[in-house]
Amino acid sequence: MKRAVKVGLLFLALSALATPAWADTTGAGSLTLAGAAVGAGLVAIGAAFGIGKLAAAAYESMARQPEVAGRIFPALIIAAALIEGFTFYALYICQASIGK
């Protein structure tokens, strides 16, 4: 039941993100716009999930062993920056697909 609720909420969020693309009245490329909007939504959700898991694991390990926090925190920041960089690249790809 929990999984069905999560999938439903994910579908609702993706539908809300794709609403501007579906409202395209020109009719030209509306499927491309909808695909780009859904792709951008998936990228944002995936990046948020990944950074959340990363931060949770890092803070849990720092709480268990405070003496290694000086080595864990820079690794956390670097990994989060790499995730954000990939997110911006994926969003660029979604936006570039609209022009084709």
C-alpha atoms as a PDB file:
ATOM      1  CA  MET A   1       0.000   0.000   0.000  1.00  0.00           C
ATOM      2  CA  LYS A   2       2.817   2.389   0.860  1.00  0.00           C
ATOM      3  CA  ARG A   3       4.461   1.764  -2.488  1.00  0.00           C
ATOM      4  CA  ALA A   4       1.238   2.502  -4.356  1.00  0.00           C
ATOM      5  CA  VAL A   5       0.886   5.796  -2.499  1.00  0.00           C
ATOM      6  CA  LYS A   6       4.473   6.738  -3.332  1.00  0.00           C
ATOM      7  CA  VAL A   7       3.974   5.901  -7.011  1.00  0.00           C
ATOM      8  CA  GLY A   8       0.736   7.896  -7.036  1.00  0.00           C
ATOM      9  CA  LEU A   9       2.417  10.910  -5.467  1.00  0.00           C
ATOM     10  CA  LEU A  10       5.291  10.638  -7.956  1.00  0.00           C
ATOM     11  CA  PHE A  11       2.825  10.545 -10.844  1.00  0.00           C
ATOM     12  CA  LEU A  12       0.974  13.533  -9.409  1.00  0.00           C
ATOM     13  CA  ALA A  13       4.219  15.510  -9.037  1.00  0.00           C
ATOM     14  CA  LEU A  14       5.325  14.676 -12.578  1.00  0.00           C
ATOM     15  CA  SER A  15       1.908  15.614 -13.937  1.00  0.00           C
ATOM     16  CA  ALA A  16       2.057  18.945 -12.136  1.00  0.00           C
ATOM     17  CA  LEU A  17       5.508  19.623 -13.560  1.00  0.00           C
ATOM     18  CA  ALA A  18       4.337  18.758 -17.083  1.00  0.00           C
ATOM     19  CA  THR A  19       1.200  20.931 -16.934  1.00  0.00           C
ATOM     20  CA  PRO A  20       2.763  23.956 -18.708  1.00  0.00           C
ATOM     21  CA  ALA A  21       3.877  21.720 -21.567  1.00  0.00           C
ATOM     22  CA  TRP A  22       0.428  20.191 -21.917  1.00  0.00           C
ATOM     23  CA  ALA A  23      -1.106  23.657 -22.001  1.00  0.00           C
ATOM     24  CA  ASP A  24       0.752  24.413 -25.255  1.00  0.00           C
ATOM     25  CA  THR A  25      -1.953  25.632 -27.619  1.00  0.00           C
ATOM     26  CA  THR A  26       0.144  25.632 -30.782  1.00  0.00           C
ATOM     27  CA  GLY A  27      -0.028  21.860 -31.063  1.00  0.00           C
ATOM     28  CA  ALA A  28       3.466  21.696 -32.513  1.00  0.00           C
ATOM     29  CA  GLY A  29       5.860  19.744 -30.397  1.00  0.00           C
ATOM     30  CA  SER A  30       3.566  19.367 -27.404  1.00  0.00           C
ATOM     31  CA  LEU A  31       4.743  15.783 -26.874  1.00  0.00           C
ATOM     32  CA  THR A  32       8.339  16.941 -26.966  1.00  0.00           C
ATOM     33  CA  LEU A  33       7.570  19.649 -24.446  1.00  0.00           C
ATOM     34  CA  ALA A  34       5.734  17.177 -22.218  1.00  0.00           C
ATOM     35  CA  GLY A  35       8.632  14.743 -22.453  1.00  0.00           C
ATOM     36  CA  ALA A  36      11.120  17.455 -21.565  1.00  0.00           C
ATOM     37  CA  ALA A  37       8.975  18.574 -18.641  1.00  0.00           C
ATOM     38  CA  VAL A  38       8.628  15.037 -17.307  1.00  0.00           C
ATOM     39  CA  GLY A  39      12.343  14.481 -17.806  1.00  0.00           C
ATOM     40  CA  ALA A  40      13.183  17.652 -15.907  1.00  0.00           C
ATOM     41  CA  GLY A  41      10.866  16.557 -13.115  1.00  0.00           C
ATOM     42  CA  LEU A  42      12.533  13.150 -12.910  1.00  0.00           C
ATOM     43  CA  VAL A  43      15.951  14.776 -12.826  1.00  0.00           C
ATOM     44  CA  ALA A  44      14.942  17.094  -9.988  1.00  0.00           C
ATOM     45  CA  ILE A  45      13.355  14.284  -7.973  1.00  0.00           C
ATOM     46  CA  GLY A  46      16.329  11.987  -8.553  1.00  0.00           C
ATOM     47  CA  ALA A  47      18.857  14.630  -7.547  1.00  0.00           C
ATOM     48  CA  ALA A  48      16.919  15.490  -4.398  1.00  0.00           C
ATOM     49  CA  PHE A  49      16.673  11.817  -3.476  1.00  0.00           C
ATOM     50  CA  GLY A  50      20.385  11.230  -4.119  1.00  0.00           C
ATOM     51  CA  ILE A  51      21.591  14.234  -2.142  1.00  0.00           C
ATOM     52  CA  GLY A  52      19.202  13.367   0.682  1.00  0.00           C
ATOM     53  CA  LYS A  53      20.545   9.816   0.926  1.00  0.00           C
ATOM     54  CA  LEU A  54      24.102  11.101   0.722  1.00  0.00           C
ATOM     55  CA  ALA A  55      23.611  13.649   3.480  1.00  0.00           C
ATOM     56  CA  ALA A  56      21.762  11.184   5.708  1.00  0.00           C
ATOM     57  CA  ALA A  57      24.543   8.620   5.428  1.00  0.00           C
ATOM     58  CA  ALA A  58      27.252  11.213   5.998  1.00  0.00           C
ATOM     59  CA  TYR A  59      25.610  12.723   9.064  1.00  0.00           C
ATOM     60  CA  GLU A  60      24.883   9.290  10.506  1.00  0.00           C
ATOM     61  CA  SER A  61      28.516   8.288  10.104  1.00  0.00           C
ATOM     62  CA  MET A  62      29.672  11.582  11.635  1.00  0.00           C
ATOM     63  CA  ALA A  63      27.349  10.988  14.586  1.00  0.00           C
ATOM     64  CA  ARG A  64      28.781   7.514  15.121  1.00  0.00           C
ATOM     65  CA  GLN A  65      32.401   8.567  14.750  1.00  0.00           C
ATOM     66  CA  PRO A  66      32.848  12.313  15.338  1.00  0.00           C
ATOM     67  CA  GLU A  67      36.620  12.064  14.971  1.00  0.00           C
ATOM     68  CA  VAL A  68      36.349  11.342  11.227  1.00  0.00           C
ATOM     69  CA  ALA A  69      33.921  14.195  10.533  1.00  0.00           C
ATOM     70  CA  GLY A  70      36.788  16.267   9.135  1.00  0.00           C
ATOM     71  CA  ARG A  71      37.282  13.705   6.367  1.00  0.00           C
ATOM     72  CA  ILE A  72      33.628  12.893   5.727  1.00  0.00           C
ATOM     73  CA  PHE A  73      32.303  16.436   5.327  1.00  0.00           C
ATOM     74  CA  PRO A  74      34.555  17.447   2.383  1.00  0.00           C
ATOM     75  CA  ALA A  75      33.676  14.173   0.639  1.00  0.00           C
ATOM     76  CA  LEU A  76      29.998  14.965   1.222  1.00  0.00           C
ATOM     77  CA  ILE A  77      30.361  18.411  -0.344  1.00  0.00           C
ATOM     78  CA  ILE A  78      32.283  17.071  -3.350  1.00  0.00           C
ATOM     79  CA  ALA A  79      29.749  14.300  -3.976  1.00  0.00           C
ATOM     80  CA  ALA A  80      26.832  16.742  -3.656  1.00  0.00           C
ATOM     81  CA  ALA A  81      28.522  19.110  -6.121  1.00  0.00           C
ATOM     82  CA  LEU A  82      28.981  16.258  -8.609  1.00  0.00           C
ATOM     83  CA  ILE A  83      25.315  15.315  -8.275  1.00  0.00           C
ATOM     84  CA  GLU A  84      24.290  18.941  -8.817  1.00  0.00           C
ATOM     85  CA  GLY A  85      26.568  19.189 -11.856  1.00  0.00           C
ATOM     86  CA  PHE A  86      25.015  16.107 -13.380  1.00  0.00           C
ATOM     87  CA  THR A  87      21.568  17.497 -12.577  1.00  0.00           C
ATOM     88  CA  PHE A  88      22.274  20.739 -14.426  1.00  0.00           C
ATOM     89  CA  TYR A  89      23.636  18.767 -17.392  1.00  0.00           C
ATOM     90  CA  ALA A  90      20.507  16.583 -17.501  1.00  0.00           C
ATOM     91  CA  LEU A  91      18.270  19.650 -17.267  1.00  0.00           C
ATOM     92  CA  TYR A  92      20.208  21.194 -20.155  1.00  0.00           C
ATOM     93  CA  ILE A  93      19.616  18.050 -22.217  1.00  0.00           C
ATOM     94  CA  CYS A  94      15.872  18.256 -21.431  1.00  0.00           C
ATOM     95  CA  GLN A  95      15.813  21.902 -22.522  1.00  0.00           C
ATOM     96  CA  ALA A  96      17.879  21.200 -25.650  1.00  0.00           C
ATOM     97  CA  SER A  97      15.435  18.491 -26.727  1.00  0.00           C
ATOM     98  CA  ILE A  98      12.741  21.160 -27.033  1.00  0.00           C
ATOM     99  CA  GLY A  99      14.630  22.948 -29.808  1.00  0.00           C
ATOM    100  CA  LYS A 100      14.862  19.883 -32.028  1.00  0.00           C
END
